[in-house]
Amino acid sequence: MADFLVLTLDCLDLDLQTAFWTGALGYTHEGGVGQYRALVHPGGGQPKLLLQGVPDVKAAKNRLHLDLHVADVEAEAARLESIGATRLQRVDEFGFFWVVMHDPEGNEFCVVPS
């Protein structure tokens, strides 16, 4: 059994992605070394997000993506757009909806109702 969970996201521009994901998640930049930046929830208990600088661009749809659970999907999607996300589509299924988005480097994530 794992002691804790860290999600790692490959990215080209560490500064851009650090600024976006700290703003998107309300996480803080804990530090880093070399091509790595660690982002953590200020209260602990949530998975850490590790940004890993890589030289290659994203080429296909992510097999794993983040779902951000929020009280107001539309308001949060608009806030995320204001800090650099791109809205792709609204999905209506199973009696509720969510918004599919891209971060500044094209990584997919969803904003879903909590």
N, C-alpha and C. Protein backbone atom coordinates (compact mmCIF):
# COMPACT_ATOMS: atom_id res chain seq x y z
N MET A 1 0.85 -1.17 0.00
CA MET A 1 0.00 0.00 0.00
C MET A 1 0.90 1.24 0.00
N ALA A 2 0.53 2.24 -0.77
CA ALA A 2 1.31 3.47 -0.87
C ALA A 2 1.18 4.30 0.41
N ASP A 3 2.25 4.98 0.79
CA ASP A 3 2.22 5.87 1.94
C ASP A 3 1.49 7.17 1.63
N PHE A 4 1.62 7.66 0.40
CA PHE A 4 0.90 8.85 -0.05
C PHE A 4 0.93 8.90 -1.56
N LEU A 5 0.14 9.81 -2.13
CA LEU A 5 0.00 9.91 -3.58
C LEU A 5 0.56 11.24 -4.07
N VAL A 6 1.39 11.19 -5.09
CA VAL A 6 1.88 12.37 -5.78
C VAL A 6 1.53 12.21 -7.25
N LEU A 7 0.88 13.21 -7.82
CA LEU A 7 0.57 13.21 -9.24
C LEU A 7 1.65 14.03 -9.94
N THR A 8 2.22 13.49 -11.01
CA THR A 8 3.29 14.17 -11.73
C THR A 8 2.80 14.58 -13.11
N LEU A 9 3.03 15.85 -13.44
CA LEU A 9 2.59 16.40 -14.71
C LEU A 9 3.81 16.89 -15.48
N ASP A 10 4.05 16.34 -16.67
CA ASP A 10 5.13 16.80 -17.53
C ASP A 10 4.76 18.16 -18.10
N CYS A 11 5.74 19.05 -18.22
CA CYS A 11 5.47 20.37 -18.78
C CYS A 11 6.74 20.95 -19.40
N LEU A 12 6.55 21.87 -20.31
CA LEU A 12 7.65 22.55 -20.98
C LEU A 12 8.11 23.77 -20.18
N ASP A 13 7.17 24.59 -19.74
CA ASP A 13 7.47 25.86 -19.07
C ASP A 13 7.12 25.74 -17.60
N LEU A 14 8.11 25.45 -16.77
CA LEU A 14 7.87 25.25 -15.34
C LEU A 14 7.30 26.49 -14.66
N ASP A 15 7.77 27.67 -15.03
CA ASP A 15 7.25 28.89 -14.40
C ASP A 15 5.78 29.10 -14.74
N LEU A 16 5.43 28.96 -16.01
CA LEU A 16 4.04 29.12 -16.45
C LEU A 16 3.13 28.12 -15.75
N GLN A 17 3.52 26.86 -15.76
CA GLN A 17 2.68 25.82 -15.17
C GLN A 17 2.62 25.93 -13.64
N THR A 18 3.70 26.33 -13.00
CA THR A 18 3.67 26.55 -11.55
C THR A 18 2.68 27.65 -11.21
N ALA A 19 2.74 28.75 -11.93
CA ALA A 19 1.80 29.86 -11.68
C ALA A 19 0.36 29.42 -11.93
N PHE A 20 0.12 28.70 -13.03
CA PHE A 20 -1.25 28.28 -13.33
C PHE A 20 -1.78 27.32 -12.27
N TRP A 21 -1.05 26.24 -11.99
CA TRP A 21 -1.59 25.20 -11.10
C TRP A 21 -1.66 25.65 -9.64
N THR A 22 -0.76 26.52 -9.18
CA THR A 22 -0.93 27.03 -7.82
C THR A 22 -2.20 27.88 -7.75
N GLY A 23 -2.45 28.68 -8.78
CA GLY A 23 -3.68 29.48 -8.82
C GLY A 23 -4.93 28.64 -9.00
N ALA A 24 -4.85 27.63 -9.84
CA ALA A 24 -6.02 26.78 -10.10
C ALA A 24 -6.42 25.97 -8.88
N LEU A 25 -5.44 25.43 -8.17
CA LEU A 25 -5.72 24.52 -7.07
C LEU A 25 -5.70 25.18 -5.69
N GLY A 26 -5.16 26.40 -5.61
CA GLY A 26 -4.97 27.01 -4.31
C GLY A 26 -3.82 26.36 -3.54
N TYR A 27 -2.96 25.68 -4.27
CA TYR A 27 -1.79 25.03 -3.68
C TYR A 27 -0.66 26.06 -3.53
N THR A 28 0.35 25.69 -2.78
CA THR A 28 1.54 26.53 -2.66
C THR A 28 2.72 25.81 -3.29
N HIS A 29 3.66 26.60 -3.77
CA HIS A 29 4.88 26.05 -4.36
C HIS A 29 5.81 25.74 -3.20
N GLU A 30 6.01 24.46 -2.93
CA GLU A 30 6.81 24.02 -1.78
C GLU A 30 8.31 24.10 -2.06
N GLY A 31 8.68 24.06 -3.31
CA GLY A 31 10.09 24.09 -3.68
C GLY A 31 10.35 23.16 -4.84
N GLY A 32 11.60 23.00 -5.16
CA GLY A 32 11.93 22.13 -6.27
C GLY A 32 13.44 22.01 -6.41
N VAL A 33 13.80 21.11 -7.27
CA VAL A 33 15.21 20.91 -7.58
C VAL A 33 15.30 20.48 -9.04
N GLY A 34 16.27 21.04 -9.75
CA GLY A 34 16.42 20.68 -11.15
C GLY A 34 15.15 20.96 -11.94
N GLN A 35 14.68 19.92 -12.63
CA GLN A 35 13.50 20.07 -13.48
C GLN A 35 12.19 19.76 -12.75
N TYR A 36 12.18 19.81 -11.42
CA TYR A 36 10.99 19.46 -10.64
C TYR A 36 10.52 20.64 -9.79
N ARG A 37 9.19 20.78 -9.68
CA ARG A 37 8.55 21.75 -8.79
C ARG A 37 7.46 21.03 -8.03
N ALA A 38 7.47 21.15 -6.71
CA ALA A 38 6.46 20.48 -5.87
C ALA A 38 5.40 21.49 -5.44
N LEU A 39 4.14 21.13 -5.68
CA LEU A 39 3.00 21.95 -5.28
C LEU A 39 2.20 21.17 -4.25
N VAL A 40 1.82 21.84 -3.14
CA VAL A 40 1.11 21.15 -2.07
C VAL A 40 -0.09 21.96 -1.61
N HIS A 41 -1.09 21.26 -1.10
CA HIS A 41 -2.26 21.90 -0.51
C HIS A 41 -1.83 22.51 0.82
N PRO A 42 -2.21 23.75 1.10
CA PRO A 42 -1.75 24.39 2.33
C PRO A 42 -2.19 23.66 3.61
N GLY A 43 -3.29 22.93 3.56
CA GLY A 43 -3.76 22.20 4.73
C GLY A 43 -3.28 20.76 4.79
N GLY A 44 -2.53 20.33 3.79
CA GLY A 44 -2.09 18.94 3.72
C GLY A 44 -3.24 18.02 3.37
N GLY A 45 -2.97 16.76 3.32
CA GLY A 45 -4.01 15.76 3.10
C GLY A 45 -4.42 15.52 1.67
N GLN A 46 -4.14 16.43 0.78
CA GLN A 46 -4.46 16.25 -0.63
C GLN A 46 -3.23 15.69 -1.34
N PRO A 47 -3.43 15.10 -2.51
CA PRO A 47 -2.23 14.66 -3.25
C PRO A 47 -1.35 15.86 -3.62
N LYS A 48 -0.06 15.66 -3.58
CA LYS A 48 0.87 16.66 -4.08
C LYS A 48 0.83 16.63 -5.60
N LEU A 49 1.15 17.75 -6.21
CA LEU A 49 1.30 17.81 -7.66
C LEU A 49 2.76 18.14 -7.94
N LEU A 50 3.44 17.26 -8.65
CA LEU A 50 4.83 17.47 -9.01
C LEU A 50 4.88 17.84 -10.49
N LEU A 51 5.44 19.01 -10.77
CA LEU A 51 5.63 19.42 -12.16
C LEU A 51 7.03 19.01 -12.57
N GLN A 52 7.11 18.33 -13.70
CA GLN A 52 8.40 17.83 -14.20
C GLN A 52 8.68 18.46 -15.55
N GLY A 53 9.73 19.23 -15.64
CA GLY A 53 10.12 19.84 -16.90
C GLY A 53 10.65 18.79 -17.86
N VAL A 54 10.09 18.77 -19.06
CA VAL A 54 10.52 17.83 -20.10
C VAL A 54 10.70 18.61 -21.41
N PRO A 55 11.54 18.11 -22.31
CA PRO A 55 11.80 18.83 -23.56
C PRO A 55 10.76 18.59 -24.65
N ASP A 56 9.92 17.57 -24.52
CA ASP A 56 8.99 17.24 -25.60
C ASP A 56 7.61 17.82 -25.35
N VAL A 57 6.94 18.21 -26.44
CA VAL A 57 5.59 18.78 -26.35
C VAL A 57 4.56 17.67 -26.22
N LYS A 58 3.43 18.03 -25.64
CA LYS A 58 2.32 17.09 -25.50
C LYS A 58 1.82 16.73 -26.89
N ALA A 59 1.60 15.44 -27.14
CA ALA A 59 1.25 15.00 -28.49
C ALA A 59 -0.14 14.40 -28.60
N ALA A 60 -0.74 13.96 -27.51
CA ALA A 60 -2.04 13.28 -27.58
C ALA A 60 -2.83 13.56 -26.31
N LYS A 61 -4.05 13.05 -26.27
CA LYS A 61 -4.90 13.22 -25.10
C LYS A 61 -4.27 12.53 -23.89
N ASN A 62 -4.35 13.20 -22.74
CA ASN A 62 -3.83 12.61 -21.50
C ASN A 62 -4.62 11.35 -21.17
N ARG A 63 -3.94 10.32 -20.72
CA ARG A 63 -4.62 9.10 -20.25
C ARG A 63 -5.11 9.28 -18.82
N LEU A 64 -4.52 10.19 -18.08
CA LEU A 64 -4.92 10.51 -16.72
C LEU A 64 -5.11 12.02 -16.67
N HIS A 65 -6.21 12.47 -16.07
CA HIS A 65 -6.41 13.90 -15.95
C HIS A 65 -6.96 14.22 -14.56
N LEU A 66 -6.90 15.49 -14.19
CA LEU A 66 -7.41 15.94 -12.90
C LEU A 66 -8.87 16.35 -13.04
N ASP A 67 -9.68 16.02 -12.04
CA ASP A 67 -11.05 16.52 -11.91
C ASP A 67 -11.08 17.45 -10.71
N LEU A 68 -11.40 18.71 -10.95
CA LEU A 68 -11.50 19.69 -9.87
C LEU A 68 -12.96 19.77 -9.45
N HIS A 69 -13.28 19.35 -8.24
CA HIS A 69 -14.64 19.34 -7.72
C HIS A 69 -14.93 20.68 -7.03
N VAL A 70 -15.96 21.38 -7.51
CA VAL A 70 -16.26 22.72 -7.01
C VAL A 70 -17.77 22.89 -6.84
N ALA A 71 -18.16 23.89 -6.05
CA ALA A 71 -19.58 24.17 -5.81
C ALA A 71 -20.25 24.79 -7.04
N ASP A 72 -19.55 25.68 -7.74
CA ASP A 72 -20.12 26.39 -8.88
C ASP A 72 -19.22 26.17 -10.10
N VAL A 73 -19.61 25.24 -10.94
CA VAL A 73 -18.78 24.84 -12.09
C VAL A 73 -18.54 26.00 -13.04
N GLU A 74 -19.58 26.72 -13.42
CA GLU A 74 -19.41 27.82 -14.39
C GLU A 74 -18.53 28.93 -13.84
N ALA A 75 -18.72 29.29 -12.58
CA ALA A 75 -17.90 30.35 -11.99
C ALA A 75 -16.43 29.92 -11.93
N GLU A 76 -16.18 28.68 -11.56
CA GLU A 76 -14.80 28.21 -11.46
C GLU A 76 -14.17 28.09 -12.84
N ALA A 77 -14.93 27.62 -13.84
CA ALA A 77 -14.40 27.54 -15.20
C ALA A 77 -14.02 28.94 -15.70
N ALA A 78 -14.85 29.92 -15.42
CA ALA A 78 -14.54 31.29 -15.83
C ALA A 78 -13.29 31.81 -15.11
N ARG A 79 -13.15 31.50 -13.81
CA ARG A 79 -11.96 31.92 -13.07
C ARG A 79 -10.71 31.28 -13.65
N LEU A 80 -10.80 29.99 -13.97
CA LEU A 80 -9.65 29.29 -14.54
C LEU A 80 -9.29 29.84 -15.91
N GLU A 81 -10.28 30.22 -16.70
CA GLU A 81 -9.99 30.87 -17.99
C GLU A 81 -9.22 32.17 -17.76
N SER A 82 -9.57 32.90 -16.71
CA SER A 82 -8.92 34.19 -16.44
C SER A 82 -7.45 34.03 -16.05
N ILE A 83 -7.05 32.83 -15.61
CA ILE A 83 -5.63 32.62 -15.25
C ILE A 83 -4.89 31.76 -16.27
N GLY A 84 -5.53 31.49 -17.43
CA GLY A 84 -4.80 30.84 -18.51
C GLY A 84 -5.36 29.55 -19.06
N ALA A 85 -6.44 29.02 -18.47
CA ALA A 85 -7.04 27.79 -19.00
C ALA A 85 -7.87 28.10 -20.24
N THR A 86 -8.13 27.06 -21.02
CA THR A 86 -8.99 27.16 -22.19
C THR A 86 -10.16 26.21 -22.00
N ARG A 87 -11.36 26.72 -22.22
CA ARG A 87 -12.57 25.90 -22.12
C ARG A 87 -12.74 25.14 -23.42
N LEU A 88 -12.90 23.81 -23.33
CA LEU A 88 -13.08 22.98 -24.52
C LEU A 88 -14.54 22.66 -24.79
N GLN A 89 -15.23 22.16 -23.75
CA GLN A 89 -16.62 21.80 -23.96
C GLN A 89 -17.35 21.61 -22.63
N ARG A 90 -18.65 21.76 -22.69
CA ARG A 90 -19.52 21.44 -21.57
C ARG A 90 -20.11 20.05 -21.88
N VAL A 91 -20.09 19.17 -20.90
CA VAL A 91 -20.62 17.82 -21.06
C VAL A 91 -21.81 17.67 -20.13
N ASP A 92 -22.96 17.30 -20.70
CA ASP A 92 -24.17 17.05 -19.93
C ASP A 92 -24.46 15.56 -19.96
N GLU A 93 -24.32 14.90 -18.80
CA GLU A 93 -24.58 13.46 -18.68
C GLU A 93 -25.06 13.15 -17.28
N PHE A 94 -25.85 12.12 -17.18
CA PHE A 94 -26.26 11.57 -15.89
C PHE A 94 -26.95 12.59 -14.99
N GLY A 95 -27.59 13.59 -15.58
CA GLY A 95 -28.33 14.58 -14.81
C GLY A 95 -27.51 15.73 -14.26
N PHE A 96 -26.24 15.83 -14.63
CA PHE A 96 -25.44 16.99 -14.24
C PHE A 96 -24.45 17.30 -15.36
N PHE A 97 -23.70 18.37 -15.20
CA PHE A 97 -22.75 18.76 -16.25
C PHE A 97 -21.39 19.07 -15.64
N TRP A 98 -20.38 19.02 -16.51
CA TRP A 98 -19.03 19.44 -16.15
C TRP A 98 -18.42 20.12 -17.35
N VAL A 99 -17.30 20.78 -17.13
CA VAL A 99 -16.61 21.50 -18.19
C VAL A 99 -15.22 20.89 -18.38
N VAL A 100 -14.91 20.54 -19.62
CA VAL A 100 -13.58 20.03 -19.98
C VAL A 100 -12.73 21.22 -20.38
N MET A 101 -11.51 21.27 -19.83
CA MET A 101 -10.62 22.41 -20.08
C MET A 101 -9.21 21.93 -20.38
N HIS A 102 -8.39 22.85 -20.87
CA HIS A 102 -6.95 22.64 -21.05
C HIS A 102 -6.21 23.62 -20.15
N ASP A 103 -5.09 23.17 -19.58
CA ASP A 103 -4.20 24.11 -18.90
C ASP A 103 -3.42 24.87 -19.97
N PRO A 104 -2.55 25.80 -19.61
CA PRO A 104 -1.83 26.59 -20.64
C PRO A 104 -1.00 25.78 -21.62
N GLU A 105 -0.64 24.53 -21.28
CA GLU A 105 0.13 23.71 -22.21
C GLU A 105 -0.70 22.61 -22.87
N GLY A 106 -2.02 22.66 -22.71
CA GLY A 106 -2.89 21.72 -23.40
C GLY A 106 -3.22 20.44 -22.65
N ASN A 107 -2.85 20.34 -21.38
CA ASN A 107 -3.22 19.16 -20.59
C ASN A 107 -4.69 19.25 -20.19
N GLU A 108 -5.44 18.17 -20.43
CA GLU A 108 -6.86 18.16 -20.13
C GLU A 108 -7.11 18.06 -18.62
N PHE A 109 -8.16 18.74 -18.17
CA PHE A 109 -8.69 18.57 -16.84
C PHE A 109 -10.16 18.93 -16.88
N CYS A 110 -10.92 18.53 -15.87
CA CYS A 110 -12.35 18.79 -15.84
C CYS A 110 -12.72 19.55 -14.58
N VAL A 111 -13.72 20.40 -14.70
CA VAL A 111 -14.31 21.09 -13.57
C VAL A 111 -15.69 20.48 -13.38
N VAL A 112 -15.89 19.84 -12.24
CA VAL A 112 -17.09 19.04 -12.00
C VAL A 112 -17.77 19.50 -10.70
N PRO A 113 -19.08 19.27 -10.59
CA PRO A 113 -19.77 19.67 -9.36
C PRO A 113 -19.36 18.82 -8.17
N SER A 114 -19.25 19.47 -7.02
CA SER A 114 -18.89 18.70 -5.82
C SER A 114 -20.12 18.15 -5.13
